[in-house]
Amino acid sequence: MSQIPTKKYDLEDRIVEFAANAALFYQDLPKDAIGNYYGNQLLRSGGSAALNFGEVQGTNSGKDYINKASLSLKELKESRVNLKILKKLDFGNSIRRNNLLDEAEQLIKIIATIIKNKKENP
């Protein structure tokens, strides 16, 4: 009997996937003033969340880890609000937008918990 391979859980991969999916979602937004404004903001905040989390991997202290992770968390929260605005405007593919919003919520909870635990157990 063969074993089912288990995939290692990798938060960095999830955040990178979120940034890539945000970029793909942005490509399909209307190319008007509203679509460009919120699309560009989403592109920046989603990408920045991933890049800041990448920097978390190279931190040397708990304080630096918390600082970098907090920046990633801030960018994810910005992405979440942006996606909520786009939802109110009914911009973009609703399935993709809702999936991005759900993933942003999950990533926010995960990173907030990591930060909380790091603060309690430096």
N, C-alpha and C. Protein backbone atom coordinates (compact mmCIF):
# COMPACT_ATOMS: atom_id res chain seq x y z
N MET A 1 0.85 -1.17 0.00
CA MET A 1 0.00 0.00 0.00
C MET A 1 0.90 1.25 0.00
N SER A 2 0.65 2.17 -0.92
CA SER A 2 1.48 3.37 -1.00
C SER A 2 0.96 4.45 -0.07
N GLN A 3 1.90 5.27 0.40
CA GLN A 3 1.52 6.36 1.29
C GLN A 3 1.12 7.57 0.47
N ILE A 4 0.15 8.29 0.98
CA ILE A 4 -0.25 9.55 0.35
C ILE A 4 0.75 10.61 0.79
N PRO A 5 1.39 11.31 -0.18
CA PRO A 5 2.35 12.33 0.22
C PRO A 5 1.64 13.49 0.91
N THR A 6 2.28 14.01 1.94
CA THR A 6 1.72 15.16 2.64
C THR A 6 2.48 16.40 2.22
N LYS A 7 1.76 17.45 1.94
CA LYS A 7 2.38 18.71 1.53
C LYS A 7 2.73 19.49 2.79
N LYS A 8 3.95 19.96 2.84
CA LYS A 8 4.38 20.78 3.96
C LYS A 8 3.65 22.12 3.89
N TYR A 9 3.09 22.53 5.02
CA TYR A 9 2.40 23.80 5.10
C TYR A 9 3.43 24.91 5.05
N ASP A 10 3.30 25.83 4.11
CA ASP A 10 4.27 26.91 3.98
C ASP A 10 3.53 28.23 3.85
N LEU A 11 3.59 29.03 4.90
CA LEU A 11 2.89 30.30 4.93
C LEU A 11 3.44 31.25 3.85
N GLU A 12 4.73 31.23 3.65
CA GLU A 12 5.31 32.08 2.62
C GLU A 12 4.70 31.76 1.25
N ASP A 13 4.55 30.48 0.95
CA ASP A 13 3.94 30.09 -0.33
C ASP A 13 2.51 30.62 -0.45
N ARG A 14 1.77 30.59 0.64
CA ARG A 14 0.39 31.10 0.61
C ARG A 14 0.35 32.60 0.36
N ILE A 15 1.26 33.32 0.98
CA ILE A 15 1.28 34.77 0.80
C ILE A 15 1.73 35.12 -0.61
N VAL A 16 2.70 34.39 -1.13
CA VAL A 16 3.14 34.60 -2.52
C VAL A 16 1.98 34.30 -3.48
N GLU A 17 1.27 33.22 -3.21
CA GLU A 17 0.11 32.86 -4.04
C GLU A 17 -0.95 33.96 -3.97
N PHE A 18 -1.16 34.53 -2.80
CA PHE A 18 -2.12 35.63 -2.65
C PHE A 18 -1.69 36.81 -3.51
N ALA A 19 -0.41 37.17 -3.45
CA ALA A 19 0.09 38.31 -4.23
C ALA A 19 -0.07 38.05 -5.72
N ALA A 20 0.24 36.85 -6.16
CA ALA A 20 0.12 36.50 -7.58
C ALA A 20 -1.35 36.55 -8.01
N ASN A 21 -2.24 36.01 -7.19
CA ASN A 21 -3.66 36.03 -7.53
C ASN A 21 -4.22 37.45 -7.52
N ALA A 22 -3.73 38.30 -6.64
CA ALA A 22 -4.14 39.71 -6.63
C ALA A 22 -3.71 40.38 -7.93
N ALA A 23 -2.50 40.07 -8.40
CA ALA A 23 -2.00 40.64 -9.65
C ALA A 23 -2.85 40.17 -10.84
N LEU A 24 -3.22 38.90 -10.84
CA LEU A 24 -4.06 38.38 -11.92
C LEU A 24 -5.45 38.99 -11.87
N PHE A 25 -5.98 39.18 -10.68
CA PHE A 25 -7.29 39.83 -10.51
C PHE A 25 -7.22 41.26 -11.04
N TYR A 26 -6.14 41.95 -10.72
CA TYR A 26 -5.94 43.34 -11.18
C TYR A 26 -5.98 43.44 -12.70
N GLN A 27 -5.40 42.48 -13.38
CA GLN A 27 -5.35 42.51 -14.85
C GLN A 27 -6.74 42.54 -15.46
N ASP A 28 -7.72 41.96 -14.79
CA ASP A 28 -9.07 41.88 -15.33
C ASP A 28 -9.98 43.03 -14.90
N LEU A 29 -9.46 43.95 -14.09
CA LEU A 29 -10.29 45.08 -13.67
C LEU A 29 -10.48 46.05 -14.82
N PRO A 30 -11.60 46.80 -14.81
CA PRO A 30 -11.80 47.81 -15.86
C PRO A 30 -10.64 48.81 -15.85
N LYS A 31 -10.28 49.27 -17.01
CA LYS A 31 -9.14 50.20 -17.13
C LYS A 31 -9.63 51.65 -17.11
N ASP A 32 -10.53 51.94 -16.17
CA ASP A 32 -10.98 53.31 -15.97
C ASP A 32 -10.30 53.87 -14.72
N ALA A 33 -10.65 55.08 -14.32
CA ALA A 33 -9.99 55.73 -13.18
C ALA A 33 -10.15 54.91 -11.90
N ILE A 34 -11.34 54.38 -11.66
CA ILE A 34 -11.59 53.62 -10.43
C ILE A 34 -10.84 52.30 -10.46
N GLY A 35 -10.96 51.58 -11.55
CA GLY A 35 -10.26 50.30 -11.69
C GLY A 35 -8.76 50.45 -11.58
N ASN A 36 -8.22 51.50 -12.20
CA ASN A 36 -6.77 51.73 -12.13
C ASN A 36 -6.34 52.10 -10.71
N TYR A 37 -7.09 52.97 -10.06
CA TYR A 37 -6.71 53.40 -8.71
C TYR A 37 -6.70 52.23 -7.73
N TYR A 38 -7.83 51.54 -7.61
CA TYR A 38 -7.91 50.45 -6.65
C TYR A 38 -7.10 49.24 -7.09
N GLY A 39 -7.01 49.02 -8.38
CA GLY A 39 -6.19 47.93 -8.89
C GLY A 39 -4.72 48.12 -8.56
N ASN A 40 -4.23 49.34 -8.78
CA ASN A 40 -2.82 49.63 -8.46
C ASN A 40 -2.55 49.50 -6.97
N GLN A 41 -3.50 49.98 -6.15
CA GLN A 41 -3.34 49.85 -4.70
C GLN A 41 -3.28 48.39 -4.28
N LEU A 42 -4.16 47.57 -4.85
CA LEU A 42 -4.19 46.14 -4.52
C LEU A 42 -2.90 45.46 -4.97
N LEU A 43 -2.44 45.83 -6.15
CA LEU A 43 -1.19 45.27 -6.67
C LEU A 43 -0.03 45.57 -5.72
N ARG A 44 0.03 46.80 -5.23
CA ARG A 44 1.12 47.20 -4.33
C ARG A 44 0.99 46.54 -2.95
N SER A 45 -0.21 46.59 -2.37
CA SER A 45 -0.35 46.05 -1.01
C SER A 45 -0.22 44.53 -0.99
N GLY A 46 -0.77 43.86 -1.97
CA GLY A 46 -0.64 42.40 -2.04
C GLY A 46 0.80 41.97 -2.24
N GLY A 47 1.49 42.66 -3.15
CA GLY A 47 2.90 42.35 -3.38
C GLY A 47 3.77 42.69 -2.18
N SER A 48 3.47 43.80 -1.56
CA SER A 48 4.24 44.22 -0.39
C SER A 48 4.07 43.25 0.78
N ALA A 49 2.88 42.71 0.95
CA ALA A 49 2.65 41.72 2.01
C ALA A 49 3.59 40.53 1.82
N ALA A 50 3.71 40.07 0.59
CA ALA A 50 4.57 38.93 0.30
C ALA A 50 6.05 39.30 0.48
N LEU A 51 6.45 40.44 -0.03
CA LEU A 51 7.85 40.84 0.08
C LEU A 51 8.27 41.09 1.52
N ASN A 52 7.41 41.72 2.30
CA ASN A 52 7.71 41.93 3.72
C ASN A 52 7.78 40.60 4.46
N PHE A 53 6.90 39.66 4.11
CA PHE A 53 6.96 38.37 4.78
C PHE A 53 8.25 37.64 4.40
N GLY A 54 8.72 37.84 3.19
CA GLY A 54 10.01 37.27 2.79
C GLY A 54 11.13 37.78 3.66
N GLU A 55 11.05 39.05 4.04
CA GLU A 55 12.06 39.63 4.92
C GLU A 55 11.99 39.05 6.33
N VAL A 56 10.81 38.59 6.74
CA VAL A 56 10.65 37.97 8.05
C VAL A 56 11.61 36.79 8.18
N GLN A 57 11.79 36.06 7.09
CA GLN A 57 12.62 34.85 7.11
C GLN A 57 14.08 35.15 7.48
N GLY A 58 14.53 36.37 7.23
CA GLY A 58 15.93 36.70 7.51
C GLY A 58 16.17 37.51 8.76
N THR A 59 15.18 37.59 9.63
CA THR A 59 15.36 38.41 10.83
C THR A 59 16.26 37.70 11.85
N ASN A 60 16.93 38.51 12.65
CA ASN A 60 17.87 37.98 13.65
C ASN A 60 17.36 38.06 15.08
N SER A 61 16.27 38.79 15.28
CA SER A 61 15.75 38.94 16.64
C SER A 61 14.24 38.84 16.63
N GLY A 62 13.69 38.55 17.79
CA GLY A 62 12.24 38.49 17.92
C GLY A 62 11.58 39.82 17.61
N LYS A 63 12.23 40.90 18.05
CA LYS A 63 11.68 42.25 17.81
C LYS A 63 11.65 42.56 16.32
N ASP A 64 12.72 42.20 15.62
CA ASP A 64 12.78 42.43 14.17
C ASP A 64 11.74 41.57 13.46
N TYR A 65 11.58 40.34 13.91
CA TYR A 65 10.58 39.42 13.34
C TYR A 65 9.19 40.04 13.47
N ILE A 66 8.86 40.51 14.68
CA ILE A 66 7.55 41.10 14.93
C ILE A 66 7.34 42.34 14.05
N ASN A 67 8.38 43.15 13.92
CA ASN A 67 8.29 44.36 13.10
C ASN A 67 7.99 44.02 11.65
N LYS A 68 8.75 43.10 11.07
CA LYS A 68 8.56 42.73 9.66
C LYS A 68 7.21 42.03 9.45
N ALA A 69 6.85 41.15 10.36
CA ALA A 69 5.57 40.45 10.25
C ALA A 69 4.41 41.45 10.38
N SER A 70 4.59 42.46 11.22
CA SER A 70 3.56 43.49 11.39
C SER A 70 3.37 44.30 10.11
N LEU A 71 4.46 44.55 9.39
CA LEU A 71 4.35 45.25 8.10
C LEU A 71 3.57 44.40 7.11
N SER A 72 3.84 43.12 7.08
CA SER A 72 3.11 42.22 6.20
C SER A 72 1.63 42.21 6.57
N LEU A 73 1.34 42.16 7.85
CA LEU A 73 -0.04 42.17 8.35
C LEU A 73 -0.75 43.46 7.93
N LYS A 74 -0.07 44.59 8.07
CA LYS A 74 -0.65 45.88 7.68
C LYS A 74 -1.03 45.89 6.20
N GLU A 75 -0.16 45.35 5.36
CA GLU A 75 -0.42 45.32 3.92
C GLU A 75 -1.58 44.38 3.58
N LEU A 76 -1.67 43.28 4.30
CA LEU A 76 -2.80 42.36 4.08
C LEU A 76 -4.12 43.02 4.48
N LYS A 77 -4.10 43.79 5.57
CA LYS A 77 -5.31 44.50 5.99
C LYS A 77 -5.70 45.56 4.96
N GLU A 78 -4.72 46.22 4.38
CA GLU A 78 -5.00 47.19 3.32
C GLU A 78 -5.62 46.48 2.11
N SER A 79 -5.06 45.33 1.76
CA SER A 79 -5.61 44.55 0.65
C SER A 79 -7.06 44.15 0.92
N ARG A 80 -7.33 43.75 2.16
CA ARG A 80 -8.69 43.34 2.54
C ARG A 80 -9.68 44.50 2.36
N VAL A 81 -9.33 45.68 2.83
CA VAL A 81 -10.22 46.83 2.69
C VAL A 81 -10.41 47.18 1.22
N ASN A 82 -9.34 47.13 0.46
CA ASN A 82 -9.41 47.40 -0.97
C ASN A 82 -10.38 46.43 -1.64
N LEU A 83 -10.26 45.14 -1.32
CA LEU A 83 -11.15 44.14 -1.91
C LEU A 83 -12.60 44.36 -1.49
N LYS A 84 -12.81 44.83 -0.27
CA LYS A 84 -14.17 45.14 0.17
C LYS A 84 -14.75 46.31 -0.62
N ILE A 85 -13.93 47.31 -0.89
CA ILE A 85 -14.37 48.44 -1.72
C ILE A 85 -14.72 47.96 -3.12
N LEU A 86 -13.84 47.14 -3.70
CA LEU A 86 -14.09 46.61 -5.04
C LEU A 86 -15.36 45.75 -5.06
N LYS A 87 -15.63 45.07 -3.96
CA LYS A 87 -16.86 44.27 -3.87
C LYS A 87 -18.08 45.19 -3.87
N LYS A 88 -18.03 46.27 -3.09
CA LYS A 88 -19.14 47.24 -3.06
C LYS A 88 -19.38 47.83 -4.45
N LEU A 89 -18.30 48.05 -5.19
CA LEU A 89 -18.39 48.61 -6.54
C LEU A 89 -18.75 47.56 -7.58
N ASP A 90 -18.72 46.29 -7.18
CA ASP A 90 -18.95 45.16 -8.08
C ASP A 90 -17.94 45.18 -9.24
N PHE A 91 -16.68 45.42 -8.89
CA PHE A 91 -15.59 45.43 -9.87
C PHE A 91 -14.87 44.10 -9.85
N GLY A 92 -14.51 43.62 -11.01
CA GLY A 92 -13.73 42.39 -11.13
C GLY A 92 -14.59 41.15 -11.03
N ASN A 93 -13.96 40.03 -11.30
CA ASN A 93 -14.62 38.73 -11.24
C ASN A 93 -15.00 38.44 -9.79
N SER A 94 -16.30 38.25 -9.54
CA SER A 94 -16.77 38.11 -8.16
C SER A 94 -16.22 36.86 -7.48
N ILE A 95 -16.05 35.78 -8.19
CA ILE A 95 -15.51 34.55 -7.59
C ILE A 95 -14.06 34.76 -7.18
N ARG A 96 -13.25 35.32 -8.09
CA ARG A 96 -11.85 35.61 -7.76
C ARG A 96 -11.74 36.59 -6.60
N ARG A 97 -12.57 37.63 -6.66
CA ARG A 97 -12.53 38.66 -5.61
C ARG A 97 -12.89 38.06 -4.26
N ASN A 98 -13.93 37.24 -4.21
CA ASN A 98 -14.34 36.62 -2.95
C ASN A 98 -13.29 35.64 -2.44
N ASN A 99 -12.65 34.91 -3.35
CA ASN A 99 -11.57 34.01 -2.94
C ASN A 99 -10.39 34.79 -2.37
N LEU A 100 -10.05 35.91 -3.01
CA LEU A 100 -8.97 36.75 -2.49
C LEU A 100 -9.33 37.32 -1.12
N LEU A 101 -10.55 37.76 -0.98
CA LEU A 101 -10.99 38.33 0.30
C LEU A 101 -10.94 37.28 1.40
N ASP A 102 -11.39 36.07 1.09
CA ASP A 102 -11.35 34.98 2.06
C ASP A 102 -9.90 34.65 2.44
N GLU A 103 -9.03 34.57 1.46
CA GLU A 103 -7.62 34.26 1.74
C GLU A 103 -6.97 35.38 2.55
N ALA A 104 -7.28 36.63 2.22
CA ALA A 104 -6.74 37.76 3.00
C ALA A 104 -7.16 37.64 4.46
N GLU A 105 -8.43 37.32 4.70
CA GLU A 105 -8.93 37.15 6.07
C GLU A 105 -8.17 36.04 6.80
N GLN A 106 -7.97 34.91 6.13
CA GLN A 106 -7.27 33.80 6.75
C GLN A 106 -5.81 34.16 7.05
N LEU A 107 -5.14 34.79 6.09
CA LEU A 107 -3.74 35.17 6.29
C LEU A 107 -3.60 36.19 7.41
N ILE A 108 -4.53 37.12 7.50
CA ILE A 108 -4.51 38.12 8.58
C ILE A 108 -4.60 37.42 9.93
N LYS A 109 -5.51 36.48 10.06
CA LYS A 109 -5.67 35.75 11.33
C LYS A 109 -4.41 34.96 11.67
N ILE A 110 -3.83 34.31 10.69
CA ILE A 110 -2.63 33.50 10.93
C ILE A 110 -1.46 34.38 11.37
N ILE A 111 -1.21 35.46 10.64
CA ILE A 111 -0.06 36.31 10.96
C ILE A 111 -0.29 37.04 12.28
N ALA A 112 -1.52 37.48 12.53
CA ALA A 112 -1.81 38.15 13.82
C ALA A 112 -1.55 37.19 14.98
N THR A 113 -1.90 35.93 14.81
CA THR A 113 -1.66 34.93 15.86
C THR A 113 -0.17 34.68 16.04
N ILE A 114 0.57 34.61 14.95
CA ILE A 114 2.02 34.43 15.04
C ILE A 114 2.65 35.59 15.80
N ILE A 115 2.25 36.80 15.47
CA ILE A 115 2.79 38.00 16.14
C ILE A 115 2.45 37.96 17.63
N LYS A 116 1.21 37.64 17.94
CA LYS A 116 0.77 37.57 19.35
C LYS A 116 1.61 36.55 20.11
N ASN A 117 1.80 35.37 19.51
CA ASN A 117 2.58 34.32 20.16
C ASN A 117 4.05 34.72 20.34
N LYS A 118 4.60 35.41 19.35
CA LYS A 118 5.99 35.87 19.44
C LYS A 118 6.15 36.88 20.56
N LYS A 119 5.14 37.74 20.73
CA LYS A 119 5.20 38.76 21.79
C LYS A 119 5.11 38.10 23.18
N GLU A 120 4.29 37.04 23.26
CA GLU A 120 4.11 36.37 24.54
C GLU A 120 5.27 35.45 24.86
N ASN A 121 5.94 34.92 23.85
CA ASN A 121 7.05 34.00 24.02
C ASN A 121 8.24 34.42 23.18
N PRO A 122 8.91 35.52 23.58
CA PRO A 122 10.00 36.06 22.76
C PRO A 122 11.18 35.14 22.55
